Amino acid sequence: MNPIDLVVTVCALLSPATCEEQHLVFNYGGSPTQCAMAAPPYIAQWIGDHPKWQAVRWRCEYPHPNDKA
């Protein structure tokens, strides 16, 4: 399995206009489209660990080699 970036846009429950992107490393062997369809349980786990946020959208993309971790 190769790492793929799961990019989740989350918004604060108490301030829905406050949103940010979270980049999560998701080990998945399929395409970005297949990854996006398989991601909801992983996103639900993240939301369970961060109850002040709600996920509003997500996408998967291959990591960019020049990005800093």
N, C-alpha and C. Protein backbone atom coordinates (compact mmCIF):
# COMPACT_ATOMS: atom_id res chain seq x y z
N MET A 1 0.84 -1.19 0.00
CA MET A 1 0.00 0.00 0.00
C MET A 1 0.88 1.24 0.00
N ASN A 2 0.43 2.23 -0.71
CA ASN A 2 1.17 3.48 -0.80
C ASN A 2 0.44 4.57 -0.02
N PRO A 3 1.22 5.49 0.57
CA PRO A 3 0.55 6.59 1.25
C PRO A 3 -0.10 7.53 0.24
N ILE A 4 -1.23 8.03 0.61
CA ILE A 4 -1.96 9.00 -0.20
C ILE A 4 -2.47 10.05 0.77
N ASP A 5 -2.51 11.30 0.36
CA ASP A 5 -3.01 12.36 1.23
C ASP A 5 -4.53 12.37 1.20
N LEU A 6 -5.12 12.25 2.37
CA LEU A 6 -6.55 12.43 2.53
C LEU A 6 -6.73 13.85 3.03
N VAL A 7 -7.27 14.72 2.19
CA VAL A 7 -7.43 16.13 2.52
C VAL A 7 -8.88 16.34 2.93
N VAL A 8 -9.07 16.65 4.21
CA VAL A 8 -10.41 16.79 4.78
C VAL A 8 -10.63 18.24 5.15
N THR A 9 -11.70 18.84 4.63
CA THR A 9 -12.08 20.18 5.06
C THR A 9 -13.00 20.02 6.25
N VAL A 10 -12.58 20.61 7.38
CA VAL A 10 -13.36 20.52 8.61
C VAL A 10 -13.74 21.93 9.05
N CYS A 11 -14.93 22.03 9.65
CA CYS A 11 -15.41 23.30 10.16
C CYS A 11 -15.75 23.14 11.64
N ALA A 12 -15.53 24.19 12.41
CA ALA A 12 -15.81 24.16 13.84
C ALA A 12 -17.31 24.08 14.06
N LEU A 13 -17.74 23.23 14.99
CA LEU A 13 -19.17 23.10 15.28
C LEU A 13 -19.76 24.38 15.82
N LEU A 14 -19.00 25.10 16.67
CA LEU A 14 -19.53 26.31 17.29
C LEU A 14 -19.37 27.55 16.41
N SER A 15 -18.60 27.43 15.35
CA SER A 15 -18.39 28.54 14.42
C SER A 15 -18.25 27.97 13.01
N PRO A 16 -19.36 27.63 12.37
CA PRO A 16 -19.32 26.94 11.07
C PRO A 16 -18.56 27.68 9.97
N ALA A 17 -18.34 28.98 10.14
CA ALA A 17 -17.57 29.73 9.14
C ALA A 17 -16.07 29.53 9.32
N THR A 18 -15.66 28.93 10.43
CA THR A 18 -14.25 28.66 10.70
C THR A 18 -13.92 27.27 10.20
N CYS A 19 -13.26 27.23 9.05
CA CYS A 19 -12.93 25.96 8.41
C CYS A 19 -11.44 25.90 8.10
N GLU A 20 -10.93 24.70 8.03
CA GLU A 20 -9.54 24.49 7.66
C GLU A 20 -9.40 23.12 7.01
N GLU A 21 -8.29 22.95 6.31
CA GLU A 21 -8.00 21.66 5.70
C GLU A 21 -7.05 20.89 6.59
N GLN A 22 -7.35 19.62 6.78
CA GLN A 22 -6.47 18.70 7.49
C GLN A 22 -5.93 17.71 6.48
N HIS A 23 -4.63 17.53 6.47
CA HIS A 23 -3.99 16.56 5.58
C HIS A 23 -3.65 15.34 6.41
N LEU A 24 -4.30 14.23 6.12
CA LEU A 24 -4.09 13.00 6.84
C LEU A 24 -3.44 11.99 5.91
N VAL A 25 -2.45 11.27 6.40
CA VAL A 25 -1.81 10.23 5.59
C VAL A 25 -2.69 8.99 5.67
N PHE A 26 -3.08 8.49 4.52
CA PHE A 26 -4.00 7.38 4.41
C PHE A 26 -3.32 6.33 3.56
N ASN A 27 -3.02 5.18 4.12
CA ASN A 27 -2.39 4.10 3.35
C ASN A 27 -3.48 3.37 2.58
N TYR A 28 -3.46 3.58 1.28
CA TYR A 28 -4.50 3.00 0.43
C TYR A 28 -3.87 2.61 -0.90
N GLY A 29 -4.23 1.47 -1.41
CA GLY A 29 -3.63 0.96 -2.62
C GLY A 29 -4.34 1.32 -3.91
N GLY A 30 -5.46 2.05 -3.83
CA GLY A 30 -6.22 2.36 -5.03
C GLY A 30 -5.97 3.76 -5.55
N SER A 31 -6.81 4.17 -6.46
CA SER A 31 -6.71 5.50 -7.05
C SER A 31 -7.26 6.55 -6.07
N PRO A 32 -7.01 7.84 -6.34
CA PRO A 32 -7.59 8.88 -5.48
C PRO A 32 -9.12 8.81 -5.42
N THR A 33 -9.79 8.45 -6.51
CA THR A 33 -11.24 8.34 -6.49
C THR A 33 -11.69 7.19 -5.59
N GLN A 34 -11.02 6.05 -5.70
CA GLN A 34 -11.34 4.92 -4.84
C GLN A 34 -11.05 5.25 -3.38
N CYS A 35 -9.97 5.97 -3.15
CA CYS A 35 -9.61 6.40 -1.80
C CYS A 35 -10.71 7.26 -1.20
N ALA A 36 -11.22 8.22 -1.96
CA ALA A 36 -12.28 9.11 -1.46
C ALA A 36 -13.53 8.32 -1.08
N MET A 37 -13.82 7.26 -1.82
CA MET A 37 -15.00 6.44 -1.50
C MET A 37 -14.75 5.57 -0.27
N ALA A 38 -13.50 5.20 -0.01
CA ALA A 38 -13.17 4.35 1.13
C ALA A 38 -12.87 5.16 2.40
N ALA A 39 -12.78 6.47 2.31
CA ALA A 39 -12.33 7.31 3.41
C ALA A 39 -13.33 7.55 4.55
N PRO A 40 -14.66 7.50 4.35
CA PRO A 40 -15.57 7.87 5.44
C PRO A 40 -15.33 7.21 6.79
N PRO A 41 -15.03 5.91 6.89
CA PRO A 41 -14.75 5.36 8.24
C PRO A 41 -13.51 5.98 8.89
N TYR A 42 -12.49 6.28 8.10
CA TYR A 42 -11.28 6.90 8.61
C TYR A 42 -11.58 8.33 9.07
N ILE A 43 -12.39 9.04 8.28
CA ILE A 43 -12.78 10.41 8.66
C ILE A 43 -13.62 10.38 9.93
N ALA A 44 -14.52 9.41 10.04
CA ALA A 44 -15.35 9.29 11.25
C ALA A 44 -14.48 9.06 12.48
N GLN A 45 -13.43 8.28 12.33
CA GLN A 45 -12.52 8.05 13.45
C GLN A 45 -11.84 9.36 13.84
N TRP A 46 -11.39 10.13 12.85
CA TRP A 46 -10.72 11.41 13.12
C TRP A 46 -11.69 12.36 13.83
N ILE A 47 -12.93 12.43 13.35
CA ILE A 47 -13.94 13.29 13.97
C ILE A 47 -14.22 12.83 15.40
N GLY A 48 -14.23 11.53 15.63
CA GLY A 48 -14.42 11.01 16.98
C GLY A 48 -13.32 11.48 17.92
N ASP A 49 -12.11 11.62 17.39
CA ASP A 49 -10.98 12.11 18.19
C ASP A 49 -10.93 13.63 18.29
N HIS A 50 -11.70 14.32 17.44
CA HIS A 50 -11.72 15.79 17.40
C HIS A 50 -13.19 16.25 17.37
N PRO A 51 -13.92 16.09 18.47
CA PRO A 51 -15.37 16.31 18.47
C PRO A 51 -15.82 17.76 18.25
N LYS A 52 -14.91 18.72 18.26
CA LYS A 52 -15.30 20.12 18.04
C LYS A 52 -15.37 20.47 16.56
N TRP A 53 -15.07 19.50 15.71
CA TRP A 53 -15.03 19.71 14.26
C TRP A 53 -16.02 18.80 13.55
N GLN A 54 -16.45 19.24 12.37
CA GLN A 54 -17.26 18.38 11.50
C GLN A 54 -16.64 18.40 10.10
N ALA A 55 -16.63 17.26 9.46
CA ALA A 55 -16.09 17.15 8.10
C ALA A 55 -17.16 17.61 7.12
N VAL A 56 -16.78 18.50 6.21
CA VAL A 56 -17.74 18.99 5.23
C VAL A 56 -17.43 18.51 3.81
N ARG A 57 -16.16 18.16 3.55
CA ARG A 57 -15.79 17.59 2.25
C ARG A 57 -14.41 16.97 2.37
N TRP A 58 -14.08 16.11 1.44
CA TRP A 58 -12.77 15.48 1.44
C TRP A 58 -12.41 15.07 0.04
N ARG A 59 -11.12 14.88 -0.15
CA ARG A 59 -10.59 14.39 -1.42
C ARG A 59 -9.27 13.68 -1.12
N CYS A 60 -8.84 12.89 -2.05
CA CYS A 60 -7.56 12.20 -1.92
C CYS A 60 -6.66 12.66 -3.06
N GLU A 61 -5.40 12.79 -2.75
CA GLU A 61 -4.43 13.17 -3.79
C GLU A 61 -3.09 12.54 -3.44
N TYR A 62 -2.29 12.38 -4.48
CA TYR A 62 -0.96 11.84 -4.25
C TYR A 62 -0.12 12.90 -3.54
N PRO A 63 0.75 12.46 -2.61
CA PRO A 63 1.59 13.44 -1.89
C PRO A 63 2.47 14.22 -2.86
N HIS A 64 2.68 15.46 -2.52
CA HIS A 64 3.56 16.33 -3.32
C HIS A 64 4.95 16.24 -2.71
N PRO A 65 5.95 15.84 -3.47
CA PRO A 65 7.28 15.60 -2.89
C PRO A 65 7.91 16.86 -2.30
N ASN A 66 7.52 18.05 -2.71
CA ASN A 66 8.12 19.27 -2.19
C ASN A 66 7.42 19.82 -0.97
N ASP A 67 6.30 19.21 -0.56
CA ASP A 67 5.59 19.66 0.64
C ASP A 67 6.39 19.29 1.88
N LYS A 68 6.31 20.16 2.88
CA LYS A 68 6.97 19.87 4.16
C LYS A 68 5.98 19.14 5.04
N ALA A 69 6.46 18.18 5.78
CA ALA A 69 5.60 17.40 6.68
C ALA A 69 5.29 18.17 7.94
